[in-house]
Every structure is written in structure tokens, then in C-alpha cells.
């Protein structure tokens, strides 16, 4: 294991873009049987993996960091929506979600309280709903 640490000492290593390339290559290799042409199949399958390896073994830290920053900026809105969806899915057993009719803010109230009056903390509009 020491030899690997010594080999990777001055290399860039892994980041979010490399992880996406790695998972993309794995997923493409799993579905590669759908492509009839063998040469095209190999190209599509190995391009993300080769790019991942190139970036991981690169010594140009600044260029790799710029690439990763651009990737993170593009994927952040999707990641934010996904984490919001997962949090809502996780809390759906104990809480119910409503939208404020005035400002459209999403409000979370506990389930099983019957008919309640909800006050929006942003715009102070009150509305009735059944939790």
C-alpha cells in the first residue's frame, strides 16, 4: 500500500467530476450490449474511464480544479433538487407539505393534527388545511 501512496503523491486524485466519469463509465459498460457495433461499443464504454484515469493521474492541479468547479456549478441545481426531493420523501411519513397561496413557499406541518390554521412565516398569510 505504501507504493500506491508514493505513486499518487503528486497526482491530482479523485473529485466530483472523476466520480461522475467513473460511474458513467460503469453504467455505460453495463448497458453496452444494447449497441450492436463492437468498435463503437468499446469507444463509448471506455472514453469516460480513460478520461477519469487521465484526470486522476494528472499533475496540472489548476486545470483539473477549474474543470471540477465548472462541473459542480452545472450539477449543483440538480443536486439541490434531488436532496430536497429525498428530504421530502423521508419526512412524508411524519409531516405534510403545503404551499403558501400568497408567496408559494413550501411549508411543513406535522401529520395527524386534523384541520389546522397554518401561518406562513415569510408573508404572515393564514390559511386552513387538513394535516
N, C-alpha and C. Protein backbone atom coordinates (compact mmCIF):
# COMPACT_ATOMS: atom_id res chain seq x y z
N UNK A 1 0.82 -1.19 0.00
CA UNK A 1 0.00 0.00 0.00
C UNK A 1 0.87 1.26 0.00
N UNK A 2 2.07 1.14 0.54
CA UNK A 2 2.98 2.28 0.56
C UNK A 2 3.37 2.71 -0.85
N UNK A 3 3.52 1.74 -1.74
CA UNK A 3 3.92 2.06 -3.10
C UNK A 3 2.84 2.86 -3.82
N UNK A 4 1.57 2.56 -3.53
CA UNK A 4 0.46 3.30 -4.15
C UNK A 4 0.42 4.73 -3.63
N UNK A 5 0.62 4.88 -2.33
CA UNK A 5 0.65 6.23 -1.75
C UNK A 5 1.80 7.04 -2.33
N UNK A 6 2.94 6.40 -2.50
CA UNK A 6 4.10 7.08 -3.06
C UNK A 6 3.86 7.43 -4.54
N UNK A 7 3.22 6.52 -5.28
CA UNK A 7 2.93 6.76 -6.69
C UNK A 7 1.95 7.91 -6.86
N UNK A 8 0.94 8.00 -6.01
CA UNK A 8 -0.10 9.02 -6.13
C UNK A 8 0.27 10.33 -5.43
N UNK A 9 1.46 10.44 -4.90
CA UNK A 9 1.85 11.58 -4.08
C UNK A 9 1.64 12.93 -4.78
N UNK A 10 2.10 13.10 -6.01
CA UNK A 10 1.99 14.40 -6.67
C UNK A 10 0.92 14.42 -7.76
N UNK A 11 0.00 13.48 -7.73
CA UNK A 11 -1.07 13.39 -8.72
C UNK A 11 -2.32 14.11 -8.20
N UNK A 12 -3.24 14.41 -9.11
CA UNK A 12 -4.44 15.16 -8.74
C UNK A 12 -5.41 14.35 -7.87
N UNK A 13 -5.68 13.11 -8.23
CA UNK A 13 -6.56 12.28 -7.42
C UNK A 13 -8.03 12.37 -7.85
N UNK A 14 -8.92 12.04 -6.92
CA UNK A 14 -10.35 11.98 -7.23
C UNK A 14 -11.06 13.27 -6.81
N UNK A 15 -12.11 13.60 -7.55
CA UNK A 15 -13.00 14.70 -7.21
C UNK A 15 -14.39 14.36 -7.73
N UNK A 16 -15.31 15.30 -7.70
CA UNK A 16 -16.69 15.03 -8.10
C UNK A 16 -16.81 14.67 -9.58
N UNK A 17 -16.06 15.36 -10.43
CA UNK A 17 -16.11 15.07 -11.86
C UNK A 17 -15.56 13.69 -12.14
N UNK A 18 -14.47 13.31 -11.47
CA UNK A 18 -13.92 11.97 -11.66
C UNK A 18 -14.90 10.90 -11.21
N UNK A 19 -15.60 11.13 -10.11
CA UNK A 19 -16.59 10.16 -9.65
C UNK A 19 -17.72 10.02 -10.67
N UNK A 20 -18.16 11.14 -11.24
CA UNK A 20 -19.21 11.10 -12.25
C UNK A 20 -18.74 10.35 -13.50
N UNK A 21 -17.49 10.60 -13.91
CA UNK A 21 -16.95 9.89 -15.07
C UNK A 21 -16.83 8.39 -14.79
N UNK A 22 -16.39 8.05 -13.60
CA UNK A 22 -16.25 6.65 -13.23
C UNK A 22 -17.59 5.93 -13.23
N UNK A 23 -18.60 6.54 -12.58
CA UNK A 23 -19.93 5.93 -12.55
C UNK A 23 -20.55 5.90 -13.94
N UNK A 24 -20.30 6.95 -14.73
CA UNK A 24 -20.80 6.97 -16.10
C UNK A 24 -20.20 5.84 -16.93
N UNK A 25 -18.90 5.60 -16.77
CA UNK A 25 -18.25 4.50 -17.48
C UNK A 25 -18.78 3.16 -17.06
N UNK A 26 -19.02 2.99 -15.76
CA UNK A 26 -19.56 1.72 -15.26
C UNK A 26 -20.97 1.49 -15.80
N UNK A 27 -21.79 2.52 -15.76
CA UNK A 27 -23.17 2.39 -16.26
C UNK A 27 -23.18 2.11 -17.76
N UNK A 28 -22.33 2.83 -18.51
CA UNK A 28 -22.25 2.58 -19.95
C UNK A 28 -21.77 1.17 -20.25
N UNK A 29 -20.84 0.66 -19.46
CA UNK A 29 -20.36 -0.70 -19.70
C UNK A 29 -21.45 -1.73 -19.39
N UNK A 30 -22.32 -1.44 -18.42
CA UNK A 30 -23.41 -2.36 -18.12
C UNK A 30 -24.44 -2.41 -19.25
N UNK A 31 -24.67 -1.28 -19.91
CA UNK A 31 -25.65 -1.21 -20.97
C UNK A 31 -25.03 -1.27 -22.37
N UNK A 32 -23.77 -1.64 -22.45
CA UNK A 32 -23.10 -1.66 -23.75
C UNK A 32 -23.62 -2.74 -24.68
N UNK A 33 -24.26 -3.75 -24.17
CA UNK A 33 -24.80 -4.82 -25.02
C UNK A 33 -25.92 -4.32 -25.93
N UNK A 34 -26.47 -3.13 -25.64
CA UNK A 34 -27.52 -2.57 -26.48
C UNK A 34 -26.98 -2.03 -27.81
N UNK A 35 -25.67 -1.77 -27.86
CA UNK A 35 -25.06 -1.20 -29.07
C UNK A 35 -24.53 -2.34 -29.93
N UNK A 36 -24.99 -2.46 -31.18
CA UNK A 36 -24.61 -3.61 -31.99
C UNK A 36 -23.16 -3.60 -32.49
N UNK A 37 -22.61 -2.44 -32.82
CA UNK A 37 -21.26 -2.36 -33.36
C UNK A 37 -20.23 -2.46 -32.23
N UNK A 38 -19.33 -3.42 -32.35
CA UNK A 38 -18.37 -3.70 -31.28
C UNK A 38 -17.39 -2.54 -31.06
N UNK A 39 -16.90 -1.93 -32.14
CA UNK A 39 -15.94 -0.83 -32.02
C UNK A 39 -16.56 0.39 -31.35
N UNK A 40 -17.76 0.74 -31.77
CA UNK A 40 -18.45 1.89 -31.16
C UNK A 40 -18.75 1.59 -29.70
N UNK A 41 -19.13 0.36 -29.42
CA UNK A 41 -19.40 -0.05 -28.04
C UNK A 41 -18.17 0.15 -27.15
N UNK A 42 -17.00 -0.27 -27.64
CA UNK A 42 -15.78 -0.11 -26.85
C UNK A 42 -15.42 1.36 -26.66
N UNK A 43 -15.59 2.17 -27.71
CA UNK A 43 -15.28 3.60 -27.59
C UNK A 43 -16.19 4.27 -26.57
N UNK A 44 -17.48 4.02 -26.68
CA UNK A 44 -18.43 4.65 -25.76
C UNK A 44 -18.18 4.19 -24.33
N UNK A 45 -17.82 2.94 -24.18
CA UNK A 45 -17.63 2.36 -22.85
C UNK A 45 -16.37 2.91 -22.17
N UNK A 46 -15.29 3.03 -22.92
CA UNK A 46 -14.01 3.34 -22.29
C UNK A 46 -13.63 4.81 -22.27
N UNK A 47 -14.30 5.65 -23.04
CA UNK A 47 -13.94 7.08 -23.05
C UNK A 47 -14.08 7.70 -21.66
N UNK A 48 -15.20 7.53 -20.94
CA UNK A 48 -15.27 8.13 -19.59
C UNK A 48 -14.24 7.55 -18.62
N UNK A 49 -13.96 6.27 -18.75
CA UNK A 49 -12.98 5.65 -17.84
C UNK A 49 -11.57 6.15 -18.11
N UNK A 50 -11.22 6.32 -19.38
CA UNK A 50 -9.90 6.85 -19.73
C UNK A 50 -9.77 8.30 -19.28
N UNK A 51 -10.84 9.09 -19.49
CA UNK A 51 -10.82 10.49 -19.02
C UNK A 51 -10.65 10.56 -17.50
N UNK A 52 -11.33 9.68 -16.80
CA UNK A 52 -11.22 9.64 -15.34
C UNK A 52 -9.79 9.32 -14.93
N UNK A 53 -9.20 8.33 -15.57
CA UNK A 53 -7.81 7.94 -15.26
C UNK A 53 -6.85 9.07 -15.59
N UNK A 54 -7.05 9.73 -16.75
CA UNK A 54 -6.20 10.86 -17.14
C UNK A 54 -6.26 11.98 -16.10
N UNK A 55 -7.48 12.33 -15.68
CA UNK A 55 -7.63 13.41 -14.71
C UNK A 55 -7.03 13.03 -13.36
N UNK A 56 -7.21 11.78 -12.98
CA UNK A 56 -6.73 11.33 -11.68
C UNK A 56 -5.20 11.33 -11.61
N UNK A 57 -4.53 10.99 -12.71
CA UNK A 57 -3.07 10.91 -12.72
C UNK A 57 -2.41 12.20 -13.18
N UNK A 58 -3.19 13.23 -13.45
CA UNK A 58 -2.66 14.50 -13.92
C UNK A 58 -1.92 15.24 -12.81
N UNK A 59 -0.93 16.02 -13.22
CA UNK A 59 -0.19 16.85 -12.27
C UNK A 59 -0.57 18.33 -12.41
N UNK A 60 -1.45 18.64 -13.34
CA UNK A 60 -1.90 20.01 -13.57
C UNK A 60 -3.10 20.29 -12.66
N UNK A 61 -2.82 20.63 -11.41
CA UNK A 61 -3.86 20.82 -10.41
C UNK A 61 -4.83 21.93 -10.79
N UNK A 62 -4.33 23.04 -11.30
CA UNK A 62 -5.17 24.20 -11.57
C UNK A 62 -6.19 23.91 -12.66
N UNK A 63 -5.76 23.27 -13.75
CA UNK A 63 -6.70 22.96 -14.83
C UNK A 63 -7.76 21.97 -14.36
N UNK A 64 -7.37 20.95 -13.61
CA UNK A 64 -8.33 19.96 -13.11
C UNK A 64 -9.31 20.60 -12.13
N UNK A 65 -8.82 21.52 -11.32
CA UNK A 65 -9.70 22.21 -10.37
C UNK A 65 -10.72 23.08 -11.09
N UNK A 66 -10.28 23.77 -12.16
CA UNK A 66 -11.21 24.58 -12.95
C UNK A 66 -12.28 23.70 -13.61
N UNK A 67 -11.86 22.55 -14.14
CA UNK A 67 -12.83 21.63 -14.75
C UNK A 67 -13.84 21.15 -13.71
N UNK A 68 -13.36 20.80 -12.54
CA UNK A 68 -14.25 20.31 -11.49
C UNK A 68 -15.19 21.42 -11.01
N UNK A 69 -14.69 22.63 -10.88
CA UNK A 69 -15.55 23.75 -10.46
C UNK A 69 -16.67 23.99 -11.47
N UNK A 70 -16.34 23.95 -12.76
CA UNK A 70 -17.36 24.14 -13.79
C UNK A 70 -18.40 23.03 -13.73
N UNK A 71 -17.95 21.79 -13.50
CA UNK A 71 -18.86 20.66 -13.39
C UNK A 71 -19.79 20.81 -12.19
N UNK A 72 -19.22 21.20 -11.06
CA UNK A 72 -20.01 21.34 -9.83
C UNK A 72 -21.04 22.45 -10.00
N UNK A 73 -20.68 23.55 -10.65
CA UNK A 73 -21.63 24.63 -10.88
C UNK A 73 -22.79 24.19 -11.77
N UNK A 74 -22.51 23.32 -12.74
CA UNK A 74 -23.58 22.85 -13.62
C UNK A 74 -24.47 21.83 -12.94
N UNK A 75 -23.90 21.01 -12.08
CA UNK A 75 -24.68 19.93 -11.48
C UNK A 75 -25.35 20.36 -10.16
N UNK A 76 -24.93 21.47 -9.57
CA UNK A 76 -25.46 21.89 -8.28
C UNK A 76 -26.98 22.06 -8.25
N UNK A 77 -27.61 22.72 -9.25
CA UNK A 77 -29.08 22.84 -9.19
C UNK A 77 -29.78 21.48 -9.17
N UNK A 78 -29.29 20.52 -9.94
CA UNK A 78 -29.89 19.18 -9.95
C UNK A 78 -29.66 18.47 -8.63
N UNK A 79 -28.47 18.64 -8.08
CA UNK A 79 -28.16 18.01 -6.79
C UNK A 79 -29.02 18.59 -5.68
N UNK A 80 -29.27 19.89 -5.74
CA UNK A 80 -30.11 20.56 -4.76
C UNK A 80 -31.55 20.05 -4.84
N UNK A 81 -32.07 19.91 -6.07
CA UNK A 81 -33.43 19.39 -6.25
C UNK A 81 -33.53 17.95 -5.76
N UNK A 82 -32.51 17.15 -6.04
CA UNK A 82 -32.52 15.76 -5.61
C UNK A 82 -32.51 15.64 -4.09
N UNK A 83 -31.66 16.43 -3.43
CA UNK A 83 -31.60 16.36 -1.96
C UNK A 83 -32.90 16.87 -1.33
N UNK A 84 -33.52 17.87 -1.95
CA UNK A 84 -34.80 18.37 -1.46
C UNK A 84 -35.89 17.30 -1.62
N UNK A 85 -35.88 16.63 -2.76
CA UNK A 85 -36.84 15.55 -3.01
C UNK A 85 -36.65 14.41 -2.00
N UNK A 86 -35.40 14.03 -1.74
CA UNK A 86 -35.13 12.94 -0.81
C UNK A 86 -35.53 13.32 0.62
N UNK A 87 -35.28 14.56 1.01
CA UNK A 87 -35.66 15.01 2.35
C UNK A 87 -37.18 15.02 2.49
N UNK A 88 -37.86 15.43 1.45
CA UNK A 88 -39.33 15.44 1.49
C UNK A 88 -39.87 14.02 1.52
N UNK A 89 -39.27 13.13 0.77
CA UNK A 89 -39.68 11.73 0.76
C UNK A 89 -39.46 11.09 2.13
N UNK A 90 -38.35 11.42 2.75
CA UNK A 90 -38.03 10.87 4.07
C UNK A 90 -38.99 11.40 5.14
N UNK A 91 -39.39 12.65 5.04
CA UNK A 91 -40.27 13.25 6.04
C UNK A 91 -41.74 13.09 5.75
N UNK A 92 -42.10 12.40 4.67
CA UNK A 92 -43.51 12.31 4.29
C UNK A 92 -44.34 11.45 5.24
N UNK A 93 -43.71 10.63 6.03
CA UNK A 93 -44.47 9.82 6.99
C UNK A 93 -44.90 10.64 8.20
N UNK A 94 -44.07 11.57 8.60
CA UNK A 94 -44.36 12.32 9.82
C UNK A 94 -44.88 13.73 9.57
N UNK A 95 -44.69 14.25 8.35
CA UNK A 95 -45.10 15.62 8.05
C UNK A 95 -45.85 15.68 6.73
N UNK A 96 -46.64 16.73 6.60
CA UNK A 96 -47.36 17.01 5.37
C UNK A 96 -46.86 18.36 4.84
N UNK A 97 -46.81 18.49 3.53
CA UNK A 97 -46.27 19.69 2.92
C UNK A 97 -47.37 20.47 2.21
N UNK A 98 -47.35 21.80 2.40
CA UNK A 98 -48.30 22.70 1.77
C UNK A 98 -47.54 23.86 1.15
N UNK A 99 -48.17 24.49 0.15
CA UNK A 99 -47.60 25.71 -0.43
C UNK A 99 -48.43 26.89 0.03
N UNK A 100 -47.76 27.95 0.40
CA UNK A 100 -48.45 29.18 0.80
C UNK A 100 -49.16 29.74 -0.44
N UNK A 101 -50.44 30.08 -0.34
CA UNK A 101 -51.16 30.59 -1.51
C UNK A 101 -50.68 31.98 -1.95
N UNK A 102 -50.00 32.69 -1.08
CA UNK A 102 -49.55 34.04 -1.41
C UNK A 102 -48.13 34.04 -2.00
N UNK A 103 -47.17 33.50 -1.26
CA UNK A 103 -45.76 33.59 -1.70
C UNK A 103 -45.22 32.28 -2.28
N UNK A 104 -46.00 31.22 -2.26
CA UNK A 104 -45.65 29.91 -2.83
C UNK A 104 -44.51 29.20 -2.09
N UNK A 105 -44.23 29.61 -0.88
CA UNK A 105 -43.21 28.94 -0.08
C UNK A 105 -43.75 27.60 0.39
N UNK A 106 -42.88 26.59 0.41
CA UNK A 106 -43.28 25.26 0.86
C UNK A 106 -43.23 25.22 2.39
N UNK A 107 -44.33 24.80 2.98
CA UNK A 107 -44.44 24.74 4.44
C UNK A 107 -44.64 23.30 4.88
N UNK A 108 -44.03 22.95 6.01
CA UNK A 108 -44.10 21.59 6.54
C UNK A 108 -44.81 21.62 7.88
N UNK A 109 -45.85 20.79 8.00
CA UNK A 109 -46.61 20.71 9.25
C UNK A 109 -46.71 19.24 9.66
N UNK A 110 -46.81 18.96 10.96
CA UNK A 110 -46.91 17.56 11.40
C UNK A 110 -48.21 16.92 10.95
N UNK A 111 -48.16 15.64 10.66
CA UNK A 111 -49.35 14.88 10.24
C UNK A 111 -50.22 14.55 11.44
N UNK A 112 -51.50 14.32 11.17
CA UNK A 112 -52.41 13.82 12.19
C UNK A 112 -52.93 14.85 13.17
N UNK A 113 -52.88 16.12 12.86
CA UNK A 113 -53.37 17.16 13.77
C UNK A 113 -54.79 17.61 13.41
N UNK A 114 -55.36 17.03 12.36
CA UNK A 114 -56.70 17.42 11.95
C UNK A 114 -56.68 18.71 11.15
N UNK A 115 -57.79 19.44 11.19
CA UNK A 115 -57.87 20.71 10.47
C UNK A 115 -57.16 21.78 11.29
N UNK A 116 -56.16 22.42 10.69
CA UNK A 116 -55.37 23.42 11.41
C UNK A 116 -55.27 24.70 10.58
N UNK A 117 -54.92 25.77 11.27
CA UNK A 117 -54.67 27.04 10.60
C UNK A 117 -53.16 27.21 10.50
N UNK A 118 -52.67 27.37 9.29
CA UNK A 118 -51.23 27.49 9.03
C UNK A 118 -50.92 28.95 8.75
N UNK A 119 -49.87 29.45 9.41
CA UNK A 119 -49.40 30.82 9.18
C UNK A 119 -48.04 30.75 8.49
N UNK A 120 -47.95 31.39 7.34
CA UNK A 120 -46.69 31.40 6.60
C UNK A 120 -45.69 32.30 7.33
N UNK A 121 -44.48 31.80 7.62
CA UNK A 121 -43.50 32.63 8.32
C UNK A 121 -42.92 33.75 7.46
N UNK A 122 -43.02 33.64 6.15
CA UNK A 122 -42.45 34.65 5.27
C UNK A 122 -43.39 35.84 5.08
N UNK A 123 -44.66 35.55 4.75
CA UNK A 123 -45.58 36.64 4.41
C UNK A 123 -46.74 36.80 5.41
N UNK A 124 -46.79 35.95 6.44
CA UNK A 124 -47.78 36.00 7.52
C UNK A 124 -49.23 35.79 7.06
N UNK A 125 -49.41 35.14 5.92
CA UNK A 125 -50.77 34.81 5.47
C UNK A 125 -51.22 33.56 6.18
N UNK A 126 -52.48 33.57 6.62
CA UNK A 126 -53.04 32.41 7.31
C UNK A 126 -54.01 31.69 6.38
N UNK A 127 -53.93 30.35 6.39
CA UNK A 127 -54.86 29.55 5.61
C UNK A 127 -55.13 28.24 6.33
N UNK A 128 -56.29 27.66 6.07
CA UNK A 128 -56.69 26.42 6.72
C UNK A 128 -56.32 25.23 5.83
N UNK A 129 -55.93 24.15 6.51
CA UNK A 129 -55.61 22.92 5.80
C UNK A 129 -55.78 21.73 6.74
N UNK A 130 -55.94 20.56 6.17
CA UNK A 130 -56.09 19.35 6.95
C UNK A 130 -54.75 18.60 6.94
N UNK A 131 -54.21 18.38 8.11
CA UNK A 131 -52.96 17.66 8.18
C UNK A 131 -53.25 16.22 8.41
